[in-house]
Every structure is written in C-alpha cells, then in structure tokens.
C-alpha cells in the first residue's frame, strides 16, 4: 500500500500536534480546524475506507470509539461532547479527509474525527 499523509504523520515524517497515541491509534489536532477543538483520530493499521474494514477490525473500530471518549475527557471544553464523523478517501491534493456531510456545530463546539488511514 502506498504511503498516505496519515501514515507519514504516524511515522512522524510530517510534524503534528499529538493529543494521544497508543499501539492501535494516533490522535492529533487538525491543522485547519473547523471548530475550537478539532482532533483527528486514525488507526495505525491502514484502512483506506470504512467499507474496507473487515470483521477482524471490529475490536480496532471499537477501540477508536473509546479513544474518542478518552480524548474528549482530556481535551474538550465546557463539557462539549465530541461529534464523530466518518470520512471518505482523501480527494484533496494534500490528502486531507473530506467529510461525508458538513457538520453543524454550536458555538464552542468540538469535532473529533475518526478518519480512515
């Protein structure tokens, strides 16, 4: 599989503002935030699209949801719950994920993206 912007971030070839990291996942602040708090969570195992996930990825996908909660507890302001959004494969020339629908946020809202890698 070819390198993606996410694999380069995980391998620290591209600098990022890391929020959380463990053996299965990597969370960092978005460089172009769409909310006061905007964090991306990516699996370290490459999964190009959610539709490419297999039954064997069930535990990993559940782990990403728990990481989203952990990141929310560590970093969210004013008790705002995270908004979880699915992304499609990168269409942007810089490899940024594209949301399947534009999220609507209340003022001071937070985005926690679980992105495909």
N, C-alpha and C. Protein backbone atom coordinates (compact mmCIF):
# COMPACT_ATOMS: atom_id res chain seq x y z
N UNK A 1 0.84 -1.18 0.00
CA UNK A 1 0.00 0.00 0.00
C UNK A 1 0.89 1.24 0.00
N UNK A 2 0.52 2.24 -0.78
CA UNK A 2 1.33 3.45 -0.86
C UNK A 2 1.18 4.28 0.42
N UNK A 3 2.17 5.11 0.64
CA UNK A 3 2.12 5.98 1.82
C UNK A 3 1.03 7.03 1.65
N UNK A 4 0.39 7.34 2.76
CA UNK A 4 -0.62 8.39 2.78
C UNK A 4 -0.14 9.49 3.70
N UNK A 5 -0.85 10.60 3.69
CA UNK A 5 -0.49 11.69 4.61
C UNK A 5 -0.61 11.20 6.06
N UNK A 6 -1.60 10.31 6.32
CA UNK A 6 -1.77 9.81 7.67
C UNK A 6 -0.63 8.89 8.08
N UNK A 7 -0.16 8.04 7.18
CA UNK A 7 0.97 7.17 7.54
C UNK A 7 2.22 8.00 7.79
N UNK A 8 2.38 9.08 7.06
CA UNK A 8 3.54 9.97 7.28
C UNK A 8 3.43 10.68 8.63
N UNK A 9 2.21 11.04 9.03
CA UNK A 9 2.02 11.65 10.35
C UNK A 9 2.30 10.63 11.44
N UNK A 10 1.77 9.41 11.30
CA UNK A 10 2.01 8.36 12.29
C UNK A 10 3.50 8.07 12.43
N UNK A 11 4.22 8.04 11.30
CA UNK A 11 5.66 7.77 11.31
C UNK A 11 6.50 9.00 11.66
N UNK A 12 5.81 10.10 11.96
CA UNK A 12 6.44 11.36 12.36
C UNK A 12 7.35 11.93 11.28
N UNK A 13 7.02 11.63 10.02
CA UNK A 13 7.70 12.26 8.88
C UNK A 13 7.11 13.63 8.63
N UNK A 14 5.87 13.83 9.04
CA UNK A 14 5.19 15.12 8.98
C UNK A 14 4.88 15.49 10.42
N UNK A 15 5.27 16.69 10.88
CA UNK A 15 5.01 17.06 12.27
C UNK A 15 3.51 17.24 12.53
N UNK A 16 3.11 16.94 13.76
CA UNK A 16 1.72 17.13 14.17
C UNK A 16 1.67 17.45 15.65
N UNK A 17 0.54 18.01 16.06
CA UNK A 17 0.31 18.32 17.47
C UNK A 17 -0.42 17.11 18.06
N UNK A 18 0.36 16.16 18.59
CA UNK A 18 -0.18 14.89 19.08
C UNK A 18 -0.98 15.12 20.36
N UNK A 19 -2.18 14.55 20.39
CA UNK A 19 -3.04 14.62 21.56
C UNK A 19 -3.00 13.30 22.33
N UNK A 20 -2.94 12.19 21.58
CA UNK A 20 -2.98 10.86 22.19
C UNK A 20 -2.37 9.87 21.22
N UNK A 21 -1.68 8.86 21.77
CA UNK A 21 -1.15 7.79 20.94
C UNK A 21 -1.06 6.52 21.77
N UNK A 22 -1.43 5.40 21.14
CA UNK A 22 -1.22 4.09 21.76
C UNK A 22 -0.83 3.13 20.64
N UNK A 23 -0.80 1.84 20.93
CA UNK A 23 -0.36 0.86 19.93
C UNK A 23 -1.28 0.77 18.71
N UNK A 24 -2.54 1.16 18.87
CA UNK A 24 -3.52 0.99 17.80
C UNK A 24 -3.96 2.28 17.13
N UNK A 25 -3.78 3.41 17.81
CA UNK A 25 -4.35 4.66 17.30
C UNK A 25 -3.43 5.86 17.51
N UNK A 26 -3.75 6.92 16.79
CA UNK A 26 -2.97 8.15 16.83
C UNK A 26 -3.96 9.31 16.72
N UNK A 27 -3.92 10.25 17.65
CA UNK A 27 -4.84 11.40 17.63
C UNK A 27 -4.02 12.68 17.63
N UNK A 28 -4.43 13.62 16.78
CA UNK A 28 -3.71 14.89 16.66
C UNK A 28 -4.66 16.01 16.29
N UNK A 29 -4.24 17.24 16.55
CA UNK A 29 -5.05 18.42 16.23
C UNK A 29 -5.02 18.68 14.73
N UNK A 30 -6.16 19.05 14.18
CA UNK A 30 -6.26 19.38 12.77
C UNK A 30 -5.51 20.68 12.49
N UNK A 31 -4.78 20.74 11.37
CA UNK A 31 -4.03 21.96 11.05
C UNK A 31 -4.93 23.06 10.50
N UNK A 32 -6.16 22.71 10.12
CA UNK A 32 -7.12 23.69 9.63
C UNK A 32 -8.44 23.44 10.35
N UNK A 33 -8.48 23.77 11.65
CA UNK A 33 -9.65 23.39 12.46
C UNK A 33 -10.94 24.04 11.99
N UNK A 34 -12.02 23.25 12.05
CA UNK A 34 -13.35 23.72 11.70
C UNK A 34 -14.20 23.96 12.95
N UNK A 35 -13.57 23.88 14.10
CA UNK A 35 -14.22 24.09 15.39
C UNK A 35 -13.14 24.51 16.39
N UNK A 36 -13.51 25.08 17.52
CA UNK A 36 -12.49 25.46 18.52
C UNK A 36 -11.61 24.29 18.94
N UNK A 37 -12.18 23.10 19.00
CA UNK A 37 -11.41 21.88 19.25
C UNK A 37 -11.70 20.95 18.07
N UNK A 38 -10.65 20.57 17.33
CA UNK A 38 -10.83 19.73 16.14
C UNK A 38 -9.68 18.73 16.12
N UNK A 39 -9.99 17.50 16.43
CA UNK A 39 -8.98 16.45 16.59
C UNK A 39 -9.31 15.30 15.65
N UNK A 40 -8.29 14.77 15.00
CA UNK A 40 -8.42 13.59 14.15
C UNK A 40 -7.87 12.39 14.88
N UNK A 41 -8.58 11.28 14.81
CA UNK A 41 -8.11 10.01 15.39
C UNK A 41 -8.02 9.03 14.23
N UNK A 42 -6.84 8.43 14.06
CA UNK A 42 -6.66 7.49 12.97
C UNK A 42 -6.12 6.17 13.49
N UNK A 43 -6.54 5.08 12.86
CA UNK A 43 -5.98 3.78 13.25
C UNK A 43 -4.56 3.66 12.68
N UNK A 44 -3.69 3.01 13.40
CA UNK A 44 -2.34 2.78 12.88
C UNK A 44 -2.35 1.71 11.79
N UNK A 45 -3.33 0.82 11.83
CA UNK A 45 -3.49 -0.15 10.76
C UNK A 45 -4.15 0.57 9.58
N UNK A 46 -3.56 0.49 8.40
CA UNK A 46 -4.18 1.16 7.25
C UNK A 46 -5.55 0.57 6.91
N UNK A 47 -6.56 1.42 6.90
CA UNK A 47 -7.90 1.07 6.44
C UNK A 47 -8.31 2.22 5.52
N UNK A 48 -8.14 2.06 4.20
CA UNK A 48 -8.38 3.17 3.29
C UNK A 48 -9.78 3.77 3.35
N UNK A 49 -10.79 2.93 3.53
CA UNK A 49 -12.17 3.37 3.64
C UNK A 49 -12.86 2.52 4.69
N UNK A 50 -13.88 3.07 5.30
CA UNK A 50 -14.63 2.30 6.29
C UNK A 50 -15.21 1.03 5.67
N UNK A 51 -15.57 1.10 4.41
CA UNK A 51 -16.12 -0.08 3.75
C UNK A 51 -15.07 -1.16 3.54
N UNK A 52 -13.78 -0.83 3.71
CA UNK A 52 -12.70 -1.82 3.62
C UNK A 52 -12.46 -2.54 4.94
N UNK A 53 -13.12 -2.10 6.00
CA UNK A 53 -12.94 -2.74 7.30
C UNK A 53 -13.52 -4.15 7.26
N UNK A 54 -12.81 -5.06 7.90
CA UNK A 54 -13.23 -6.46 7.95
C UNK A 54 -13.77 -6.78 9.34
N UNK A 55 -14.41 -7.93 9.46
CA UNK A 55 -14.89 -8.39 10.77
C UNK A 55 -13.73 -8.40 11.76
N UNK A 56 -12.54 -8.74 11.30
CA UNK A 56 -11.37 -8.78 12.18
C UNK A 56 -10.98 -7.40 12.69
N UNK A 57 -11.52 -6.32 12.10
CA UNK A 57 -11.22 -4.96 12.54
C UNK A 57 -12.22 -4.47 13.60
N UNK A 58 -13.16 -5.30 13.98
CA UNK A 58 -14.21 -4.90 14.91
C UNK A 58 -13.63 -4.35 16.21
N UNK A 59 -12.65 -5.04 16.78
CA UNK A 59 -12.06 -4.58 18.04
C UNK A 59 -11.34 -3.24 17.85
N UNK A 60 -10.63 -3.09 16.74
CA UNK A 60 -9.93 -1.83 16.45
C UNK A 60 -10.92 -0.68 16.32
N UNK A 61 -12.01 -0.89 15.59
CA UNK A 61 -13.01 0.17 15.41
C UNK A 61 -13.65 0.55 16.74
N UNK A 62 -13.94 -0.43 17.58
CA UNK A 62 -14.45 -0.13 18.91
C UNK A 62 -13.43 0.62 19.74
N UNK A 63 -12.17 0.26 19.60
CA UNK A 63 -11.09 0.94 20.32
C UNK A 63 -11.05 2.42 19.93
N UNK A 64 -11.24 2.72 18.63
CA UNK A 64 -11.22 4.11 18.18
C UNK A 64 -12.33 4.92 18.84
N UNK A 65 -13.49 4.30 19.03
CA UNK A 65 -14.59 4.99 19.71
C UNK A 65 -14.23 5.29 21.17
N UNK A 66 -13.58 4.35 21.84
CA UNK A 66 -13.15 4.57 23.22
C UNK A 66 -12.07 5.65 23.29
N UNK A 67 -11.18 5.66 22.31
CA UNK A 67 -10.16 6.72 22.25
C UNK A 67 -10.83 8.08 22.08
N UNK A 68 -11.87 8.14 21.26
CA UNK A 68 -12.60 9.41 21.09
C UNK A 68 -13.14 9.90 22.43
N UNK A 69 -13.69 8.99 23.23
CA UNK A 69 -14.18 9.38 24.55
C UNK A 69 -13.03 9.84 25.45
N UNK A 70 -11.91 9.12 25.41
CA UNK A 70 -10.75 9.47 26.23
C UNK A 70 -10.22 10.85 25.84
N UNK A 71 -10.10 11.10 24.53
CA UNK A 71 -9.63 12.40 24.05
C UNK A 71 -10.60 13.50 24.47
N UNK A 72 -11.89 13.20 24.38
CA UNK A 72 -12.89 14.18 24.79
C UNK A 72 -12.73 14.54 26.26
N UNK A 73 -12.53 13.55 27.10
CA UNK A 73 -12.34 13.81 28.53
C UNK A 73 -11.08 14.62 28.77
N UNK A 74 -10.03 14.37 28.00
CA UNK A 74 -8.75 15.05 28.20
C UNK A 74 -8.78 16.48 27.68
N UNK A 75 -9.53 16.73 26.60
CA UNK A 75 -9.31 17.95 25.86
C UNK A 75 -10.52 18.84 25.60
N UNK A 76 -11.72 18.34 25.74
CA UNK A 76 -12.88 19.15 25.39
C UNK A 76 -13.16 20.22 26.43
N UNK A 77 -13.73 21.30 25.96
CA UNK A 77 -14.03 22.46 26.81
C UNK A 77 -15.53 22.54 27.08
N UNK A 78 -15.89 23.07 28.20
CA UNK A 78 -17.29 23.35 28.55
C UNK A 78 -18.19 22.11 28.50
N UNK A 79 -17.64 20.94 28.72
CA UNK A 79 -18.44 19.73 28.74
C UNK A 79 -19.02 19.34 27.40
N UNK A 80 -18.47 19.87 26.30
CA UNK A 80 -18.98 19.56 24.98
C UNK A 80 -18.66 18.12 24.62
N UNK A 81 -19.65 17.39 24.17
CA UNK A 81 -19.42 16.01 23.73
C UNK A 81 -18.82 16.02 22.33
N UNK A 82 -17.99 15.06 22.01
CA UNK A 82 -17.40 15.03 20.67
C UNK A 82 -18.41 14.65 19.60
N UNK A 83 -18.24 15.19 18.42
CA UNK A 83 -19.02 14.80 17.25
C UNK A 83 -18.14 13.84 16.45
N UNK A 84 -18.62 12.66 16.24
CA UNK A 84 -17.86 11.66 15.49
C UNK A 84 -18.31 11.71 14.04
N UNK A 85 -17.39 11.85 13.13
CA UNK A 85 -17.72 11.94 11.71
C UNK A 85 -16.90 10.93 10.92
N UNK A 86 -17.53 10.30 9.96
CA UNK A 86 -16.84 9.36 9.08
C UNK A 86 -16.28 10.15 7.90
N UNK A 87 -15.12 9.76 7.42
CA UNK A 87 -14.54 10.44 6.27
C UNK A 87 -14.45 9.50 5.09
N UNK A 88 -14.38 10.09 3.91
CA UNK A 88 -14.16 9.35 2.69
C UNK A 88 -12.68 9.40 2.36
N UNK A 89 -12.23 8.63 1.38
CA UNK A 89 -10.82 8.73 0.99
C UNK A 89 -10.48 10.16 0.59
N UNK A 90 -9.26 10.54 0.83
CA UNK A 90 -8.83 11.90 0.54
C UNK A 90 -9.00 12.24 -0.93
N UNK A 91 -9.62 13.36 -1.20
CA UNK A 91 -9.78 13.85 -2.57
C UNK A 91 -8.98 15.15 -2.75
N UNK A 92 -8.58 15.72 -1.66
CA UNK A 92 -7.84 16.98 -1.66
C UNK A 92 -6.38 16.69 -2.04
N UNK A 93 -5.73 17.59 -2.80
CA UNK A 93 -4.36 17.31 -3.21
C UNK A 93 -3.38 17.12 -2.05
N UNK A 94 -3.69 17.66 -0.89
CA UNK A 94 -2.81 17.47 0.26
C UNK A 94 -3.20 16.25 1.08
N UNK A 95 -4.21 15.53 0.64
CA UNK A 95 -4.59 14.31 1.32
C UNK A 95 -5.48 14.53 2.53
N UNK A 96 -6.09 15.72 2.65
CA UNK A 96 -6.96 15.97 3.79
C UNK A 96 -8.27 15.21 3.62
N UNK A 97 -8.83 14.69 4.70
CA UNK A 97 -10.09 13.96 4.57
C UNK A 97 -11.24 14.89 4.23
N UNK A 98 -12.23 14.34 3.55
CA UNK A 98 -13.40 15.11 3.20
C UNK A 98 -14.58 14.52 3.94
N UNK A 99 -15.30 15.34 4.65
CA UNK A 99 -16.45 14.86 5.42
C UNK A 99 -17.55 14.41 4.48
N UNK A 100 -18.28 13.39 4.87
CA UNK A 100 -19.39 12.93 4.05
C UNK A 100 -20.56 13.90 4.14
N UNK A 101 -20.63 14.65 5.20
CA UNK A 101 -21.62 15.72 5.32
C UNK A 101 -21.02 16.79 6.21
N UNK A 102 -21.37 18.02 5.95
CA UNK A 102 -20.80 19.13 6.71
C UNK A 102 -21.43 19.15 8.10
N UNK A 103 -20.63 19.00 9.16
CA UNK A 103 -21.21 19.01 10.50
C UNK A 103 -21.67 20.40 10.89
N UNK A 104 -22.71 20.46 11.68
CA UNK A 104 -23.17 21.73 12.23
C UNK A 104 -22.81 21.75 13.70
N UNK A 105 -22.14 22.80 14.10
CA UNK A 105 -21.67 22.88 15.47
C UNK A 105 -22.31 24.06 16.18
N UNK A 106 -22.56 23.89 17.45
CA UNK A 106 -22.96 25.02 18.27
C UNK A 106 -21.71 25.83 18.57
N UNK A 107 -21.84 27.11 18.94
CA UNK A 107 -20.66 27.88 19.29
C UNK A 107 -19.86 27.16 20.38
N UNK A 108 -18.55 27.12 20.20
CA UNK A 108 -17.70 26.43 21.16
C UNK A 108 -17.73 24.93 20.98
N UNK A 109 -18.28 24.46 19.88
CA UNK A 109 -18.40 23.03 19.65
C UNK A 109 -17.05 22.36 19.43
N UNK A 110 -17.08 21.05 19.33
CA UNK A 110 -15.86 20.28 19.18
C UNK A 110 -16.07 19.22 18.10
N UNK A 111 -15.01 18.95 17.37
CA UNK A 111 -15.02 17.88 16.38
C UNK A 111 -13.95 16.87 16.75
N UNK A 112 -14.32 15.63 16.79
CA UNK A 112 -13.34 14.55 16.91
C UNK A 112 -13.62 13.65 15.73
N UNK A 113 -12.72 13.65 14.77
CA UNK A 113 -12.87 12.85 13.56
C UNK A 113 -12.18 11.52 13.75
N UNK A 114 -12.87 10.46 13.41
CA UNK A 114 -12.22 9.16 13.30
C UNK A 114 -12.06 8.95 11.79
N UNK A 115 -10.83 9.08 11.33
CA UNK A 115 -10.56 9.07 9.90
C UNK A 115 -9.99 7.74 9.46
N UNK A 116 -10.29 7.37 8.24
CA UNK A 116 -9.68 6.18 7.65
C UNK A 116 -8.23 6.51 7.34
N UNK A 117 -7.37 5.53 7.46
CA UNK A 117 -5.95 5.76 7.22
C UNK A 117 -5.57 5.21 5.88
